[in-house]
Each structure stands twice: as C-alpha cells, then as structure tokens.
Amino acid sequence: MRTDALIIEGANGFDPCDIQPMNRQVKTMQLAKPYRVMIVGYESMPPISKKCTRFGADFMHPDIKASARLKNVDSLTRGLTYLRGKCDRVLIAPASFPFITTATYRQVMDSNAEIAVAECDGKRGWPVLISGSLIDETLEVGGLAALPDAHADSVEIVKTDDVDTVTDVSVKNFSVRLARTMAAARTCSHS
C-alpha cells in the first residue's frame, strides 16, 4: 500500500531563513519509510525549494493559472489535489511541528483505518493519515477538520506519548453542523 507523506504550511507558514526544522522533519518522516515526502509551498520560496531537493523531498507549487482554478488555495488543498490518484494513503503533518518522532509517524502509518489520528494525553494531533479514497471529500469540505467526526466509525486514534502531537486537529475550521450533515448523509446512504 503506497503512502505518501505531505508537509503542509503550519499556522505561521514556512520560514525560508530557517531550513533546519524542515530538514529535521523530512529526515524523520523518511525514516518512517513513506514512498516519498512532499512539501507544498509557494513559488516565492526558492530558498526552500532548492534545499528540499538536496535532502530528498519533493517541493511542489502550482503554477499561477492552476492556483486560480482552485477555490481554497492553501497548501493542503494543493498537495491533496496533486496526490489524488497517485497514492493509497497520505500522511499529513504541518511544517510547524518538526519534532514529531519517527516512532509516531510509523505508528500512524501502521494503521489500516481510513483515517488515523495521533493522540497524546487525550488530545488529537498530528500526524493525520487519510485514505486516498477520502481525498475528494476532504477537498470538498475544505480540510481535515470535519472528517474525524463525520467518519467516526472509520477513525483509529493512535495513542502515543509524543507531546509534539498535541495540537487538536479537530478544532481549526471545525463545523459541528457540517460534521452532523455529513454523518447523517452517510447514515441515510447505508440504510
């Protein structure tokens, strides 16, 4: 089963002047043995794009015309749009979390669930693993936030003692109404 790793922008984007945290994150992810590690950013990031290739990651940014056709032009949207149909699963972590351990990446990658989310001390966090079959739905709803609740029976919570997983992925952009609507639609379609 092919798993690609995707590094997206964190809350503060990327810092092109400080490549060391990104280098560490890429190397740590690579030790977990995904098929490839891909970083998604902007064309204005040449210092990062050149260095990424040196330490074995693919750096991807869309051309301006392609960006204009996408509704929500963020790094998650761009990365998942590119990976659609190219892999079975996607392991996702933001650039602002460079200290997640290889063991945590590996634990999440070992899951066979449609969605796997790391958890530390009762808080969901990064990395998140989603099945390739959920990429379209993730793009449609505008992100990862509603997926764990809409697909509650398909989620595996991977317990870890890695404190660098502590940001709750279900908080940002979370919509209770959207999650309930999606869950109700799934229940109706299975009846």
C-alpha atoms as a PDB file:
ATOM      1  CA  MET A   1       0.000   0.000   0.000  1.00  0.00           C
ATOM      2  CA  ARG A   2       1.647   3.243  -1.133  1.00  0.00           C
ATOM      3  CA  THR A   3       1.741   6.005   1.466  1.00  0.00           C
ATOM      4  CA  ASP A   4       2.982   9.459   0.543  1.00  0.00           C
ATOM      5  CA  ALA A   5       3.898  11.990   3.255  1.00  0.00           C
ATOM      6  CA  LEU A   6       2.726  15.566   2.847  1.00  0.00           C
ATOM      7  CA  ILE A   7       4.150  18.532   4.764  1.00  0.00           C
ATOM      8  CA  ILE A   8       1.779  21.477   4.666  1.00  0.00           C
ATOM      9  CA  GLU A   9       2.135  25.020   5.946  1.00  0.00           C
ATOM     10  CA  GLY A  10       1.769  25.495   9.662  1.00  0.00           C
ATOM     11  CA  ALA A  11      -0.003  28.354  11.396  1.00  0.00           C
ATOM     12  CA  ASN A  12       2.927  30.657  10.634  1.00  0.00           C
ATOM     13  CA  GLY A  13       3.632  29.322   7.151  1.00  0.00           C
ATOM     14  CA  PHE A  14       7.233  28.485   6.295  1.00  0.00           C
ATOM     15  CA  ASP A  15      10.349  30.311   7.414  1.00  0.00           C
ATOM     16  CA  PRO A  16      12.698  30.285   4.392  1.00  0.00           C
ATOM     17  CA  CYS A  17      15.525  31.631   6.559  1.00  0.00           C
ATOM     18  CA  ASP A  18      15.434  28.679   8.947  1.00  0.00           C
ATOM     19  CA  ILE A  19      15.604  25.434   6.974  1.00  0.00           C
ATOM     20  CA  GLN A  20      16.873  23.239   9.834  1.00  0.00           C
ATOM     21  CA  PRO A  21      13.441  22.386  11.349  1.00  0.00           C
ATOM     22  CA  MET A  22      12.149  21.453   7.892  1.00  0.00           C
ATOM     23  CA  ASN A  23      15.242  19.359   7.208  1.00  0.00           C
ATOM     24  CA  ARG A  24      14.733  17.520  10.507  1.00  0.00           C
ATOM     25  CA  GLN A  25      11.062  16.868   9.790  1.00  0.00           C
ATOM     26  CA  VAL A  26      11.776  15.499   6.320  1.00  0.00           C
ATOM     27  CA  LYS A  27      14.539  13.202   7.597  1.00  0.00           C
ATOM     28  CA  THR A  28      12.343  11.994  10.482  1.00  0.00           C
ATOM     29  CA  MET A  29       9.457  11.270   8.102  1.00  0.00           C
ATOM     30  CA  GLN A  30      11.776   9.476   5.689  1.00  0.00           C
ATOM     31  CA  LEU A  31      12.892   7.118   8.472  1.00  0.00           C
ATOM     32  CA  ALA A  32       9.230   6.056   8.805  1.00  0.00           C
ATOM     33  CA  LYS A  33       9.542   4.943   5.139  1.00  0.00           C
ATOM     34  CA  PRO A  34       6.731   6.575   3.177  1.00  0.00           C
ATOM     35  CA  TYR A  35       7.002   6.281  -0.615  1.00  0.00           C
ATOM     36  CA  ARG A  36       8.008   9.933  -0.790  1.00  0.00           C
ATOM     37  CA  VAL A  37       7.892  13.145   1.233  1.00  0.00           C
ATOM     38  CA  MET A  38       6.358  16.151  -0.467  1.00  0.00           C
ATOM     39  CA  ILE A  39       6.392  19.746   0.750  1.00  0.00           C
ATOM     40  CA  VAL A  40       3.832  22.160  -0.661  1.00  0.00           C
ATOM     41  CA  GLY A  41       4.516  25.884  -0.721  1.00  0.00           C
ATOM     42  CA  TYR A  42       4.546  28.928  -2.930  1.00  0.00           C
ATOM     43  CA  GLU A  43       6.616  29.986  -5.927  1.00  0.00           C
ATOM     44  CA  SER A  44       8.130  32.741  -3.781  1.00  0.00           C
ATOM     45  CA  MET A  45      10.019  30.169  -1.726  1.00  0.00           C
ATOM     46  CA  PRO A  46      13.107  29.378  -3.860  1.00  0.00           C
ATOM     47  CA  PRO A  47      15.453  29.016  -0.854  1.00  0.00           C
ATOM     48  CA  ILE A  48      13.284  26.185   0.487  1.00  0.00           C
ATOM     49  CA  SER A  49      12.579  24.524  -2.862  1.00  0.00           C
ATOM     50  CA  LYS A  50      16.288  24.214  -3.692  1.00  0.00           C
ATOM     51  CA  LYS A  51      17.233  22.891  -0.261  1.00  0.00           C
ATOM     52  CA  CYS A  52      14.323  20.416  -0.185  1.00  0.00           C
ATOM     53  CA  THR A  53      15.662  18.569  -3.193  1.00  0.00           C
ATOM     54  CA  ARG A  54      19.080  18.344  -1.505  1.00  0.00           C
ATOM     55  CA  PHE A  55      17.678  16.418   1.423  1.00  0.00           C
ATOM     56  CA  GLY A  56      15.405  14.180  -0.614  1.00  0.00           C
ATOM     57  CA  ALA A  57      11.963  15.776  -0.525  1.00  0.00           C
ATOM     58  CA  ASP A  58       9.834  16.882  -3.449  1.00  0.00           C
ATOM     59  CA  PHE A  59       8.875  20.555  -3.358  1.00  0.00           C
ATOM     60  CA  MET A  60       5.634  21.339  -5.140  1.00  0.00           C
ATOM     61  CA  HIS A  61       3.916  24.569  -6.013  1.00  0.00           C
ATOM     62  CA  PRO A  62       1.263  25.023  -8.668  1.00  0.00           C
ATOM     63  CA  ASP A  63       1.557  27.470 -11.498  1.00  0.00           C
ATOM     64  CA  ILE A  64      -0.464  30.674 -11.177  1.00  0.00           C
ATOM     65  CA  LYS A  65      -3.167  29.535 -13.640  1.00  0.00           C
ATOM     66  CA  ALA A  66      -3.715  26.274 -11.759  1.00  0.00           C
ATOM     67  CA  SER A  67      -3.919  28.174  -8.447  1.00  0.00           C
ATOM     68  CA  ALA A  68      -6.584  30.469  -9.835  1.00  0.00           C
ATOM     69  CA  ARG A  69      -8.831  27.472 -10.657  1.00  0.00           C
ATOM     70  CA  LEU A  70      -8.813  26.175  -7.067  1.00  0.00           C
ATOM     71  CA  LYS A  71     -11.330  27.573  -4.582  1.00  0.00           C
ATOM     72  CA  ASN A  72      -9.222  27.337  -1.415  1.00  0.00           C
ATOM     73  CA  VAL A  73      -5.629  27.759  -2.441  1.00  0.00           C
ATOM     74  CA  ASP A  74      -3.871  26.510   0.674  1.00  0.00           C
ATOM     75  CA  SER A  75      -1.053  24.002   0.850  1.00  0.00           C
ATOM     76  CA  LEU A  76      -3.323  21.127   1.973  1.00  0.00           C
ATOM     77  CA  THR A  77      -5.656  21.687  -0.990  1.00  0.00           C
ATOM     78  CA  ARG A  78      -2.774  21.942  -3.448  1.00  0.00           C
ATOM     79  CA  GLY A  79      -0.992  18.887  -2.060  1.00  0.00           C
ATOM     80  CA  LEU A  80      -4.075  16.654  -1.977  1.00  0.00           C
ATOM     81  CA  THR A  81      -5.165  17.809  -5.439  1.00  0.00           C
ATOM     82  CA  TYR A  82      -1.770  16.769  -6.784  1.00  0.00           C
ATOM     83  CA  LEU A  83      -1.721  13.431  -4.912  1.00  0.00           C
ATOM     84  CA  ARG A  84      -5.262  12.423  -5.936  1.00  0.00           C
ATOM     85  CA  GLY A  85      -4.999   9.068  -7.705  1.00  0.00           C
ATOM     86  CA  LYS A  86      -1.233   8.774  -7.112  1.00  0.00           C
ATOM     87  CA  CYS A  87      -1.186   7.001  -3.723  1.00  0.00           C
ATOM     88  CA  ASP A  88      -3.325   4.812  -1.489  1.00  0.00           C
ATOM     89  CA  ARG A  89      -2.867   6.928   1.636  1.00  0.00           C
ATOM     90  CA  VAL A  90      -1.487  10.314   2.672  1.00  0.00           C
ATOM     91  CA  LEU A  91       0.370  11.007   5.936  1.00  0.00           C
ATOM     92  CA  ILE A  92      -0.050  14.719   6.740  1.00  0.00           C
ATOM     93  CA  ALA A  93       1.826  16.998   9.156  1.00  0.00           C
ATOM     94  CA  PRO A  94       2.290  20.773   9.208  1.00  0.00           C
ATOM     95  CA  ALA A  95       5.695  22.424   8.832  1.00  0.00           C
ATOM     96  CA  SER A  96       5.346  23.947  12.298  1.00  0.00           C
ATOM     97  CA  PHE A  97       5.642  20.520  14.002  1.00  0.00           C
ATOM     98  CA  PRO A  98       9.210  19.406  13.210  1.00  0.00           C
ATOM     99  CA  PHE A  99       9.723  17.431  16.423  1.00  0.00           C
ATOM    100  CA  ILE A 100       7.203  14.645  15.916  1.00  0.00           C
ATOM    101  CA  THR A 101       9.166  11.412  16.309  1.00  0.00           C
ATOM    102  CA  THR A 102       9.746   8.749  13.691  1.00  0.00           C
ATOM    103  CA  ALA A 103       8.025   6.286  16.034  1.00  0.00           C
ATOM    104  CA  THR A 104       4.860   8.413  15.963  1.00  0.00           C
ATOM    105  CA  TYR A 105       4.922   8.678  12.157  1.00  0.00           C
ATOM    106  CA  ARG A 106       5.442   4.898  11.973  1.00  0.00           C
ATOM    107  CA  GLN A 107       2.652   4.149  14.471  1.00  0.00           C
ATOM    108  CA  VAL A 108       0.177   6.201  12.445  1.00  0.00           C
ATOM    109  CA  MET A 109       1.388   4.680   9.151  1.00  0.00           C
ATOM    110  CA  ASP A 110       0.888   1.184  10.601  1.00  0.00           C
ATOM    111  CA  SER A 111      -2.843   1.838  10.909  1.00  0.00           C
ATOM    112  CA  ASN A 112      -5.174   0.183   8.392  1.00  0.00           C
ATOM    113  CA  ALA A 113      -8.011   2.615   9.158  1.00  0.00           C
ATOM    114  CA  GLU A 114      -9.404   5.094   6.611  1.00  0.00           C
ATOM    115  CA  ILE A 115      -8.387   7.874   8.991  1.00  0.00           C
ATOM    116  CA  ALA A 116      -5.741   7.624  11.709  1.00  0.00           C
ATOM    117  CA  VAL A 117      -5.055  10.453  14.111  1.00  0.00           C
ATOM    118  CA  ALA A 118      -2.271  10.621  16.692  1.00  0.00           C
ATOM    119  CA  GLU A 119      -3.312  11.309  20.274  1.00  0.00           C
ATOM    120  CA  CYS A 120      -1.336  12.342  23.327  1.00  0.00           C
ATOM    121  CA  ASP A 121      -2.912  12.803  26.760  1.00  0.00           C
ATOM    122  CA  GLY A 122      -6.431  12.744  25.305  1.00  0.00           C
ATOM    123  CA  LYS A 123      -5.795  15.368  22.600  1.00  0.00           C
ATOM    124  CA  ARG A 124      -5.907  14.552  18.910  1.00  0.00           C
ATOM    125  CA  GLY A 125      -2.967  15.832  16.936  1.00  0.00           C
ATOM    126  CA  TRP A 126      -0.540  15.404  14.101  1.00  0.00           C
ATOM    127  CA  PRO A 127       0.229  13.435  12.049  1.00  0.00           C
ATOM    128  CA  VAL A 128      -3.047  12.505  10.392  1.00  0.00           C
ATOM    129  CA  LEU A 129      -3.309   9.662   7.898  1.00  0.00           C
ATOM    130  CA  ILE A 130      -6.166   9.598   5.397  1.00  0.00           C
ATOM    131  CA  SER A 131      -7.092   7.058   2.781  1.00  0.00           C
ATOM    132  CA  GLY A 132      -6.733   8.142  -0.832  1.00  0.00           C
ATOM    133  CA  SER A 133     -10.458   7.435  -1.206  1.00  0.00           C
ATOM    134  CA  LEU A 134     -11.165  10.386   1.127  1.00  0.00           C
ATOM    135  CA  ILE A 135      -9.130  12.968  -0.776  1.00  0.00           C
ATOM    136  CA  ASP A 136     -12.091  14.185  -2.852  1.00  0.00           C
ATOM    137  CA  GLU A 137     -14.280  14.536   0.233  1.00  0.00           C
ATOM    138  CA  THR A 138     -11.510  16.346   2.116  1.00  0.00           C
ATOM    139  CA  LEU A 139     -11.172  18.819  -0.747  1.00  0.00           C
ATOM    140  CA  GLU A 140     -14.953  19.236  -0.947  1.00  0.00           C
ATOM    141  CA  VAL A 141     -15.379  20.090   2.739  1.00  0.00           C
ATOM    142  CA  GLY A 142     -12.311  22.331   2.726  1.00  0.00           C
ATOM    143  CA  GLY A 143      -9.988  20.461   5.046  1.00  0.00           C
ATOM    144  CA  LEU A 144      -9.382  17.740   7.587  1.00  0.00           C
ATOM    145  CA  ALA A 145     -11.376  19.230  10.455  1.00  0.00           C
ATOM    146  CA  ALA A 146     -14.782  17.578   9.877  1.00  0.00           C
ATOM    147  CA  LEU A 147     -13.506  14.185   8.696  1.00  0.00           C
ATOM    148  CA  PRO A 148     -12.802  12.535  12.065  1.00  0.00           C
ATOM    149  CA  ASP A 149     -16.324  13.308  13.282  1.00  0.00           C
ATOM    150  CA  ALA A 150     -18.137  12.569  10.028  1.00  0.00           C
ATOM    151  CA  HIS A 151     -16.330   9.222   9.746  1.00  0.00           C
ATOM    152  CA  ALA A 152     -16.194   8.394  13.458  1.00  0.00           C
ATOM    153  CA  ASP A 153     -16.531   4.655  12.831  1.00  0.00           C
ATOM    154  CA  SER A 154     -13.579   4.733  10.381  1.00  0.00           C
ATOM    155  CA  VAL A 155     -11.141   6.612  12.625  1.00  0.00           C
ATOM    156  CA  GLU A 156      -8.363   4.956  14.566  1.00  0.00           C
ATOM    157  CA  ILE A 157      -6.940   7.005  17.404  1.00  0.00           C
ATOM    158  CA  VAL A 158      -3.254   6.111  17.687  1.00  0.00           C
ATOM    159  CA  LYS A 159      -2.195   6.593  21.296  1.00  0.00           C
ATOM    160  CA  THR A 160       1.306   7.977  21.675  1.00  0.00           C
ATOM    161  CA  ASP A 161       3.349   9.618  24.397  1.00  0.00           C
ATOM    162  CA  ASP A 162       4.789  12.059  21.847  1.00  0.00           C
ATOM    163  CA  VAL A 163       3.944  15.502  23.244  1.00  0.00           C
ATOM    164  CA  ASP A 164       4.603  17.101  19.856  1.00  0.00           C
ATOM    165  CA  THR A 165       1.263  15.739  18.611  1.00  0.00           C
ATOM    166  CA  VAL A 166      -0.742  17.919  20.982  1.00  0.00           C
ATOM    167  CA  THR A 167      -2.454  20.371  18.617  1.00  0.00           C
ATOM    168  CA  ASP A 168      -6.055  19.247  18.246  1.00  0.00           C
ATOM    169  CA  VAL A 169      -6.701  18.804  14.529  1.00  0.00           C
ATOM    170  CA  SER A 170     -10.463  18.880  15.003  1.00  0.00           C
ATOM    171  CA  VAL A 171     -10.557  22.470  16.266  1.00  0.00           C
ATOM    172  CA  LYS A 172      -9.407  24.671  13.377  1.00  0.00           C
ATOM    173  CA  ASN A 173     -12.191  25.223  10.828  1.00  0.00           C
ATOM    174  CA  PHE A 174     -14.354  22.672  12.620  1.00  0.00           C
ATOM    175  CA  SER A 175     -18.065  22.903  11.896  1.00  0.00           C
ATOM    176  CA  VAL A 176     -20.404  20.850  14.074  1.00  0.00           C
ATOM    177  CA  ARG A 177     -23.250  21.466  11.608  1.00  0.00           C
ATOM    178  CA  LEU A 178     -21.170  20.243   8.661  1.00  0.00           C
ATOM    179  CA  ALA A 179     -19.997  17.151  10.533  1.00  0.00           C
ATOM    180  CA  ARG A 180     -23.583  16.267  11.542  1.00  0.00           C
ATOM    181  CA  THR A 181     -24.840  16.785   7.991  1.00  0.00           C
ATOM    182  CA  MET A 182     -22.114  14.542   6.582  1.00  0.00           C
ATOM    183  CA  ALA A 183     -22.716  11.896   9.263  1.00  0.00           C
ATOM    184  CA  ALA A 184     -26.479  11.955   8.584  1.00  0.00           C
ATOM    185  CA  ALA A 185     -25.899  11.605   4.838  1.00  0.00           C
ATOM    186  CA  ARG A 186     -23.663   8.577   5.453  1.00  0.00           C
ATOM    187  CA  THR A 187     -26.274   7.006   7.766  1.00  0.00           C
ATOM    188  CA  CYS A 188     -29.043   7.502   5.184  1.00  0.00           C
ATOM    189  CA  SER A 189     -26.943   6.033   2.383  1.00  0.00           C
ATOM    190  CA  HIS A 190     -26.182   2.908   4.481  1.00  0.00           C
ATOM    191  CA  SER A 191     -29.867   2.322   5.390  1.00  0.00           C
END
